Amino acid sequence: MAEYYIGIMSGTSVDAVDAVLCQINSAGETEHLSSHSEPFSAPLSARLHQAMSPSISDLLAFKQLEHDYSELVVTAVNNLLALSNKTAKQIKTIGCHGQTLWHHPPSIASADGSAAFTLQLLNPALIAVKTGIDVVSDFRQKDIVAGGEGAPLVPAFHHHVFARQCPARTAILNLGGIANITYLGSDKTSVIGFDTGPANTLLDLAYRLHYGSPGYDKNGHTASQGLVQEALLQRLLQDPYFTKLPPKSTGREYFSETWLNKKLNSSIKGKDLLRTLLELTVDSIVQSLTLLPHSPSLIVACGGGVHNQLLMRQLSTKLAPTNLTTTADYGIDPQAVEAIAFAWLAWCYDKRQPGNLSAVTGAQRHVVLGSKTYAN
């Protein structure tokens, strides 16, 4: 019997809460029915950005931010239900990722002997009670406890959906705040996945620093007017993360304003910085393909970055002769893929099916991901 699931995702770009309604049958086949994006207000976005720095220490302010973020998720769910002509009683479960504030996986924690952890801002009890729908959340922590990176998690969903539709050696490229890649091997059962490095996160940061907040470089328009600063680009590409072998994951706590400032040794025009950072995203993705056992036969892109026309043009040029397309060609809205993935991961939780791929995250074993908060 097919059941309705809602997936909620907000990424490191900190622009909106993405909500999707899916119908998932007993085999896990997932149909995306509708979507709704609830944008962050400028003040909430600014507070989230501030909370993503390690300086936050006011517990009351933190819990207020958690409350306000979770209230926005409730609004997103209610608006999604209204536009989909569905009621809360028809929904089996919400899979809600939360807003990542800090990601400190074993690959980083091992350097100083600290505890590995990941922190997602969310109050699942508030969401469950106010929507009347059970919530599965905290998806990443169990993978970390099992020895994994806690990320990326979407490769399991990519494999579930695209292995049946795409040719062997297809790579799914997610262009979110951080870019990650899922490689479906020659037999389409072996999967490699890892974060390649920054995508929208540094581009959005540079835009805010030079042109004010809120905002982003729509379609890469400002970057298209700039010039690549080759010396800076090469310094950026020398970061050891780009050549590190998988499993690996990263986040905006690493590719941050501090990281960028350390690489800058002179003033630079905003448009030139944007153009150079865009090229960093492209070149780091292209370089990451050398970490795969074979060159991909096809690359299928998703995430907010697919709307950056300059980014997609540069990727298409530098990935040639490999063809670059988007998940839209397979009937899935590129903007909705991650939210759909967390609806599917909630289904996995309900069916007691493992949601991680140990070969991707480095976990010692496959585990059921998440914790459930009941509405009643």
Protein backbone atom coordinates (compact mmCIF):
# COMPACT_ATOMS: atom_id res chain seq x y z
CA MET A 1 0.00 0.00 0.00
CA ALA A 2 1.31 3.43 -0.90
CA GLU A 3 1.52 6.06 1.83
CA TYR A 4 2.07 9.81 1.85
CA TYR A 5 5.31 11.23 3.22
CA ILE A 6 6.53 14.80 3.55
CA GLY A 7 10.22 15.65 3.22
CA ILE A 8 11.73 18.84 4.60
CA MET A 9 15.17 20.20 3.77
CA SER A 10 16.99 23.48 4.21
CA GLY A 11 20.57 23.56 3.06
CA THR A 12 23.66 25.59 3.81
CA SER A 13 22.55 28.23 1.32
CA VAL A 14 20.04 29.33 4.02
CA ASP A 15 17.45 30.65 1.58
CA ALA A 16 14.30 28.63 2.22
CA VAL A 17 12.69 25.59 3.76
CA ASP A 18 11.89 23.17 0.94
CA ALA A 19 8.88 20.92 1.55
CA VAL A 20 7.76 18.09 -0.72
CA LEU A 21 4.85 15.68 -0.71
CA CYS A 22 5.66 12.16 -1.90
CA GLN A 23 3.77 8.92 -2.30
CA ILE A 24 5.91 5.88 -1.46
CA ASN A 25 4.80 2.31 -2.06
CA SER A 26 5.83 -0.88 -0.25
CA ALA A 27 8.86 -1.28 -2.55
CA GLY A 28 10.11 2.20 -1.73
CA GLU A 29 9.25 3.56 -5.17
CA THR A 30 8.85 7.28 -4.62
CA GLU A 31 6.57 9.61 -6.56
CA HIS A 32 7.03 13.35 -6.09
CA LEU A 33 3.56 14.90 -6.00
CA SER A 34 4.06 18.55 -5.05
CA SER A 35 6.53 21.06 -3.62
CA HIS A 36 6.52 24.26 -1.63
CA SER A 37 9.42 26.53 -0.64
CA GLU A 38 8.94 28.73 2.41
CA PRO A 39 11.54 31.51 2.18
CA PHE A 40 13.48 32.68 5.22
CA SER A 41 12.81 36.24 6.27
CA ALA A 42 15.90 38.45 6.13
CA PRO A 43 16.19 38.63 9.95
CA LEU A 44 15.87 34.85 10.37
CA SER A 45 18.41 34.22 7.62
CA ALA A 46 20.84 36.63 9.28
CA ARG A 47 20.41 34.91 12.67
CA LEU A 48 21.01 31.49 11.11
CA HIS A 49 24.19 32.73 9.45
CA GLN A 50 25.36 34.12 12.78
CA ALA A 51 24.59 30.83 14.52
CA MET A 52 26.80 29.00 12.03
CA SER A 53 29.87 30.62 13.57
CA PRO A 54 31.43 29.04 16.67
CA SER A 55 30.99 32.26 18.64
CA ILE A 56 27.34 31.71 19.57
CA SER A 57 27.10 31.24 23.33
CA ASP A 58 23.71 32.59 24.37
CA LEU A 59 21.61 29.51 25.12
CA LEU A 60 18.37 31.48 25.24
CA ALA A 61 19.05 33.02 21.82
CA PHE A 62 19.91 29.56 20.46
CA LYS A 63 16.66 28.02 21.70
CA GLN A 64 14.67 30.98 20.38
CA LEU A 65 16.26 30.48 16.97
CA GLU A 66 15.43 26.77 17.13
CA HIS A 67 11.83 27.67 17.94
CA ASP A 68 11.53 30.23 15.13
CA TYR A 69 13.09 27.89 12.57
CA SER A 70 10.77 25.05 13.60
CA GLU A 71 7.74 27.35 13.40
CA LEU A 72 8.74 28.13 9.80
CA VAL A 73 8.85 24.39 9.08
CA VAL A 74 5.29 24.11 10.47
CA THR A 75 4.22 26.92 8.14
CA ALA A 76 5.89 25.17 5.20
CA VAL A 77 4.11 21.90 6.00
CA ASN A 78 0.71 23.56 6.38
CA ASN A 79 1.12 25.48 3.13
CA LEU A 80 2.23 22.31 1.34
CA LEU A 81 -0.84 20.44 2.62
CA ALA A 82 -3.12 23.26 1.49
CA LEU A 83 -1.74 23.45 -2.04
CA SER A 84 -1.77 19.63 -2.28
CA ASN A 85 -5.36 19.35 -1.01
CA LYS A 86 -4.27 16.92 1.71
CA THR A 87 -4.90 16.77 5.47
CA ALA A 88 -2.47 15.92 8.24
CA LYS A 89 -4.30 12.63 8.87
CA GLN A 90 -3.38 11.47 5.36
CA ILE A 91 0.36 11.86 5.96
CA LYS A 92 2.26 8.94 7.45
CA THR A 93 5.46 10.77 8.50
CA ILE A 94 7.48 13.93 7.99
CA GLY A 95 11.19 13.44 7.36
CA CYS A 96 12.82 16.67 8.49
CA HIS A 97 16.56 17.24 8.21
CA GLY A 98 16.79 20.54 10.10
CA GLN A 99 19.30 23.33 9.53
CA THR A 100 22.92 22.25 9.89
CA LEU A 101 24.82 24.62 12.15
CA TRP A 102 28.00 22.62 12.62
CA HIS A 103 29.38 19.42 11.10
CA HIS A 104 32.35 17.88 12.94
CA PRO A 105 32.77 14.35 11.54
CA PRO A 106 35.41 11.78 12.55
CA SER A 107 37.75 12.86 9.75
CA ILE A 108 38.04 16.27 11.46
CA ALA A 109 37.62 15.20 15.09
CA SER A 110 40.43 12.66 14.83
CA ALA A 111 42.95 15.44 14.25
CA ASP A 112 42.65 16.70 17.84
CA GLY A 113 40.98 13.78 19.58
CA SER A 114 37.68 15.61 20.05
CA ALA A 115 34.26 13.98 19.89
CA ALA A 116 32.71 13.68 16.45
CA PHE A 117 29.25 15.20 16.13
CA THR A 118 26.84 16.98 13.83
CA LEU A 119 24.36 19.65 14.92
CA GLN A 120 21.10 20.32 13.12
CA LEU A 121 18.80 23.06 14.43
CA LEU A 122 15.30 21.63 14.93
CA ASN A 123 12.56 21.10 17.51
CA PRO A 124 10.80 17.96 16.21
CA ALA A 125 8.36 17.96 19.14
CA LEU A 126 7.06 21.40 18.16
CA ILE A 127 6.64 20.31 14.53
CA ALA A 128 4.92 17.03 15.45
CA VAL A 129 2.48 18.63 17.88
CA LYS A 130 1.60 21.64 15.73
CA THR A 131 1.16 19.69 12.47
CA GLY A 132 -0.34 16.57 14.03
CA ILE A 133 2.12 14.42 12.03
CA ASP A 134 4.88 12.14 13.34
CA VAL A 135 8.38 13.44 12.60
CA VAL A 136 11.60 11.56 11.87
CA SER A 137 14.68 13.73 12.38
CA ASP A 138 18.33 13.61 13.52
CA PHE A 139 19.30 11.48 10.54
CA ARG A 140 23.07 11.95 10.67
CA GLN A 141 24.03 11.19 14.26
CA LYS A 142 23.72 7.40 14.22
CA ASP A 143 25.97 7.11 11.16
CA ILE A 144 28.61 9.14 13.02
CA VAL A 145 28.29 6.94 16.12
CA ALA A 146 28.75 3.94 13.81
CA GLY A 147 32.07 5.44 12.67
CA GLY A 148 30.84 7.26 9.57
CA GLU A 149 31.06 10.84 8.40
CA GLY A 150 27.32 11.38 8.78
CA ALA A 151 27.39 12.67 5.21
CA PRO A 152 26.58 12.58 2.45
CA LEU A 153 23.34 10.70 3.02
CA VAL A 154 21.58 11.36 -0.29
CA PRO A 155 23.68 8.82 -2.29
CA ALA A 156 21.49 6.01 -0.91
CA PHE A 157 18.45 7.76 -2.37
CA HIS A 158 20.29 8.57 -5.61
CA HIS A 159 21.11 4.88 -6.00
CA HIS A 160 17.55 3.83 -5.19
CA VAL A 161 16.05 6.15 -7.81
CA PHE A 162 18.60 6.57 -10.58
CA ALA A 163 20.27 3.15 -10.80
CA ARG A 164 17.15 1.88 -12.58
CA GLN A 165 16.88 4.81 -14.97
CA CYS A 166 20.44 5.83 -15.84
CA PRO A 167 23.24 4.03 -17.66
CA ALA A 168 26.11 2.44 -15.76
CA ARG A 169 28.80 4.83 -14.50
CA THR A 170 26.35 7.72 -14.06
CA ALA A 171 27.29 10.41 -11.56
CA ILE A 172 24.62 12.41 -9.70
CA LEU A 173 25.97 15.87 -8.87
CA ASN A 174 24.23 17.85 -6.13
CA LEU A 175 24.97 21.58 -6.33
CA GLY A 176 23.86 22.82 -2.93
CA GLY A 177 25.79 24.93 -0.47
CA ILE A 178 28.33 22.13 -0.62
CA ALA A 179 28.62 20.05 -3.79
CA ASN A 180 28.53 16.28 -3.52
CA ILE A 181 28.69 13.49 -6.04
CA THR A 182 27.22 10.00 -6.20
CA TYR A 183 28.85 7.56 -8.62
CA LEU A 184 26.89 4.48 -9.71
CA GLY A 185 29.48 1.90 -10.74
CA SER A 186 29.63 -0.32 -13.79
CA ASP A 187 27.36 -2.91 -12.15
CA LYS A 188 25.08 -0.15 -10.74
CA THR A 189 25.24 -1.82 -7.30
CA SER A 190 28.56 -0.35 -6.16
CA VAL A 191 28.22 3.27 -5.06
CA ILE A 192 30.80 5.93 -4.27
CA GLY A 193 29.72 9.25 -2.79
CA PHE A 194 31.44 12.22 -1.18
CA ASP A 195 31.42 15.99 -0.82
CA THR A 196 33.56 17.57 -3.53
CA GLY A 197 33.83 20.99 -1.87
CA PRO A 198 32.07 24.36 -1.87
CA ALA A 199 29.36 25.29 -4.34
CA ASN A 200 26.79 27.93 -3.40
CA THR A 201 28.11 28.54 0.11
CA LEU A 202 31.21 30.54 -0.85
CA LEU A 203 29.47 32.21 -3.78
CA ASP A 204 26.66 33.41 -1.52
CA LEU A 205 29.15 34.49 1.14
CA ALA A 206 31.16 36.55 -1.34
CA TYR A 207 28.02 38.17 -2.71
CA ARG A 208 26.84 39.16 0.77
CA LEU A 209 30.26 40.56 1.70
CA HIS A 210 30.54 42.72 -1.41
CA TYR A 211 26.94 43.54 -2.31
CA GLY A 212 25.01 43.27 0.94
CA SER A 213 22.64 40.81 2.56
CA PRO A 214 20.28 39.25 1.76
CA GLY A 215 20.99 38.29 -1.80
CA TYR A 216 22.85 36.00 -4.15
CA ASP A 217 24.31 36.18 -7.63
CA LYS A 218 21.24 35.20 -9.65
CA ASN A 219 22.16 33.17 -12.73
CA GLY A 220 25.82 34.04 -12.12
CA HIS A 221 25.15 37.48 -13.64
CA THR A 222 27.70 39.39 -11.53
CA ALA A 223 30.31 36.63 -11.81
CA SER A 224 29.94 36.71 -15.61
CA GLN A 225 31.21 40.30 -15.56
CA GLY A 226 34.33 39.39 -13.58
CA LEU A 227 37.69 37.87 -14.43
CA VAL A 228 39.19 34.71 -12.98
CA GLN A 229 42.14 35.57 -10.75
CA GLU A 230 44.36 32.61 -11.62
CA ALA A 231 46.87 33.00 -8.79
CA LEU A 232 44.07 33.06 -6.23
CA LEU A 233 42.30 30.14 -7.89
CA GLN A 234 45.43 28.01 -7.69
CA ARG A 235 45.89 28.87 -3.99
CA LEU A 236 42.31 27.83 -3.33
CA LEU A 237 42.69 24.56 -5.23
CA GLN A 238 45.79 23.66 -3.21
CA ASP A 239 43.67 23.00 -0.14
CA PRO A 240 44.29 19.36 0.87
CA TYR A 241 40.57 18.59 1.07
CA PHE A 242 40.29 18.48 -2.71
CA THR A 243 42.77 15.62 -3.10
CA LYS A 244 41.77 13.72 0.02
CA LEU A 245 40.42 10.27 -0.75
CA PRO A 246 36.82 9.39 0.15
CA PRO A 247 34.97 8.72 2.36
CA LYS A 248 34.96 12.42 3.20
CA SER A 249 32.52 15.19 4.01
CA THR A 250 32.77 18.89 4.66
CA GLY A 251 30.65 21.96 5.30
CA ARG A 252 30.56 25.71 5.63
CA GLU A 253 32.32 25.51 9.01
CA TYR A 254 35.42 24.54 6.99
CA PHE A 255 34.87 26.45 3.73
CA SER A 256 34.10 29.63 5.63
CA GLU A 257 34.84 33.34 5.58
CA THR A 258 37.90 32.62 7.73
CA TRP A 259 39.13 30.03 5.22
CA LEU A 260 38.63 32.44 2.33
CA ASN A 261 40.31 35.38 4.06
CA LYS A 262 43.41 33.28 4.69
CA LYS A 263 43.72 32.71 0.94
CA LEU A 264 43.28 36.37 -0.01
CA ASN A 265 46.51 38.34 0.04
CA SER A 266 45.21 41.51 -1.61
CA SER A 267 41.98 43.37 -2.22
CA ILE A 268 39.81 42.04 -5.01
CA LYS A 269 36.75 43.28 -6.86
CA GLY A 270 33.53 41.57 -5.90
CA LYS A 271 32.78 40.43 -9.43
CA ASP A 272 36.29 38.98 -9.82
CA LEU A 273 36.00 37.11 -6.52
CA LEU A 274 32.65 35.67 -7.57
CA ARG A 275 34.05 34.60 -10.93
CA THR A 276 37.06 32.97 -9.27
CA LEU A 277 34.95 31.15 -6.68
CA LEU A 278 32.62 29.90 -9.39
CA GLU A 279 35.63 28.50 -11.20
CA LEU A 280 36.77 26.92 -7.92
CA THR A 281 33.47 25.06 -7.73
CA VAL A 282 33.81 23.88 -11.33
CA ASP A 283 37.47 22.88 -11.11
CA SER A 284 37.09 21.09 -7.77
CA ILE A 285 34.19 19.06 -9.19
CA VAL A 286 36.17 18.17 -12.31
CA GLN A 287 39.18 17.27 -10.16
CA SER A 288 37.01 15.08 -7.93
CA LEU A 289 36.21 12.85 -10.89
CA THR A 290 39.83 11.66 -10.84
CA LEU A 291 39.03 10.01 -7.48
CA LEU A 292 36.51 7.71 -9.19
CA PRO A 293 37.47 4.29 -10.61
CA HIS A 294 36.22 5.28 -14.09
CA SER A 295 35.16 8.47 -15.82
CA PRO A 296 31.38 8.95 -15.63
CA SER A 297 29.37 8.17 -18.75
CA LEU A 298 26.76 10.78 -17.76
CA ILE A 299 26.47 13.48 -15.09
CA VAL A 300 23.01 14.38 -13.77
CA ALA A 301 22.88 17.60 -11.74
CA CYS A 302 20.44 18.70 -9.06
CA GLY A 303 20.25 21.31 -6.30
CA GLY A 304 19.89 25.07 -6.39
CA GLY A 305 23.12 25.50 -8.34
CA VAL A 306 21.48 24.20 -11.52
CA HIS A 307 19.75 27.60 -11.78
CA ASN A 308 23.13 29.37 -12.02
CA GLN A 309 23.45 29.53 -15.79
CA LEU A 310 27.13 30.49 -15.78
CA LEU A 311 27.99 27.65 -13.41
CA MET A 312 26.18 25.12 -15.59
CA ARG A 313 27.82 26.45 -18.77
CA GLN A 314 31.28 26.22 -17.25
CA LEU A 315 30.61 22.74 -15.93
CA SER A 316 29.32 21.61 -19.31
CA THR A 317 32.42 22.98 -21.03
CA LYS A 318 34.95 21.48 -18.62
CA LEU A 319 33.18 18.13 -18.28
CA ALA A 320 33.04 17.59 -22.05
CA PRO A 321 32.80 15.14 -23.73
CA THR A 322 30.80 13.75 -20.79
CA ASN A 323 27.20 14.91 -21.14
CA LEU A 324 25.76 17.09 -18.36
CA THR A 325 22.01 17.08 -17.76
CA THR A 326 19.69 17.60 -14.77
CA THR A 327 17.24 15.46 -12.84
CA ALA A 328 14.43 17.33 -14.63
CA ASP A 329 15.12 15.02 -17.57
CA TYR A 330 14.12 12.15 -15.26
CA GLY A 331 10.95 13.82 -14.03
CA ILE A 332 12.35 15.13 -10.73
CA ASP A 333 12.57 18.83 -9.91
CA PRO A 334 16.31 19.52 -9.26
CA GLN A 335 15.41 21.85 -6.39
CA ALA A 336 13.34 19.14 -4.67
CA VAL A 337 15.73 16.17 -4.78
CA GLU A 338 17.18 16.55 -1.27
CA ALA A 339 13.79 17.10 0.36
CA ILE A 340 12.45 14.03 -1.47
CA ALA A 341 15.47 12.10 -0.18
CA PHE A 342 14.52 12.87 3.42
CA ALA A 343 10.92 11.82 2.82
CA TRP A 344 12.35 8.53 1.54
CA LEU A 345 14.73 8.25 4.52
CA ALA A 346 11.71 8.69 6.82
CA TRP A 347 10.07 5.81 4.94
CA CYS A 348 13.25 3.76 5.49
CA TYR A 349 13.01 4.50 9.22
CA ASP A 350 9.37 3.39 9.35
CA LYS A 351 10.25 0.17 7.51
CA ARG A 352 13.34 -0.36 9.70
CA GLN A 353 15.56 -0.29 6.64
CA PRO A 354 19.12 1.08 6.80
CA GLY A 355 19.42 4.52 5.24
CA ASN A 356 23.17 4.91 5.03
CA LEU A 357 25.68 3.39 2.65
CA SER A 358 28.72 2.41 4.69
CA ALA A 359 30.92 2.49 1.57
CA VAL A 360 29.98 6.16 1.18
CA THR A 361 30.07 7.45 4.75
CA GLY A 362 32.74 5.12 6.12
CA ALA A 363 30.44 3.73 8.82
CA GLN A 364 31.29 0.31 10.20
CA ARG A 365 27.86 -1.00 9.24
CA HIS A 366 24.52 -0.09 7.73
CA VAL A 367 22.15 1.44 10.27
CA VAL A 368 18.58 2.72 10.43
CA LEU A 369 18.88 6.51 10.48
CA GLY A 370 16.89 8.99 12.54
CA SER A 371 14.75 9.28 15.64
CA LYS A 372 10.97 9.52 15.71
CA THR A 373 8.86 12.06 17.57
CA TYR A 374 5.18 11.15 17.71
CA ALA A 375 2.45 13.73 17.34
CA ASN A 376 0.47 12.21 20.24
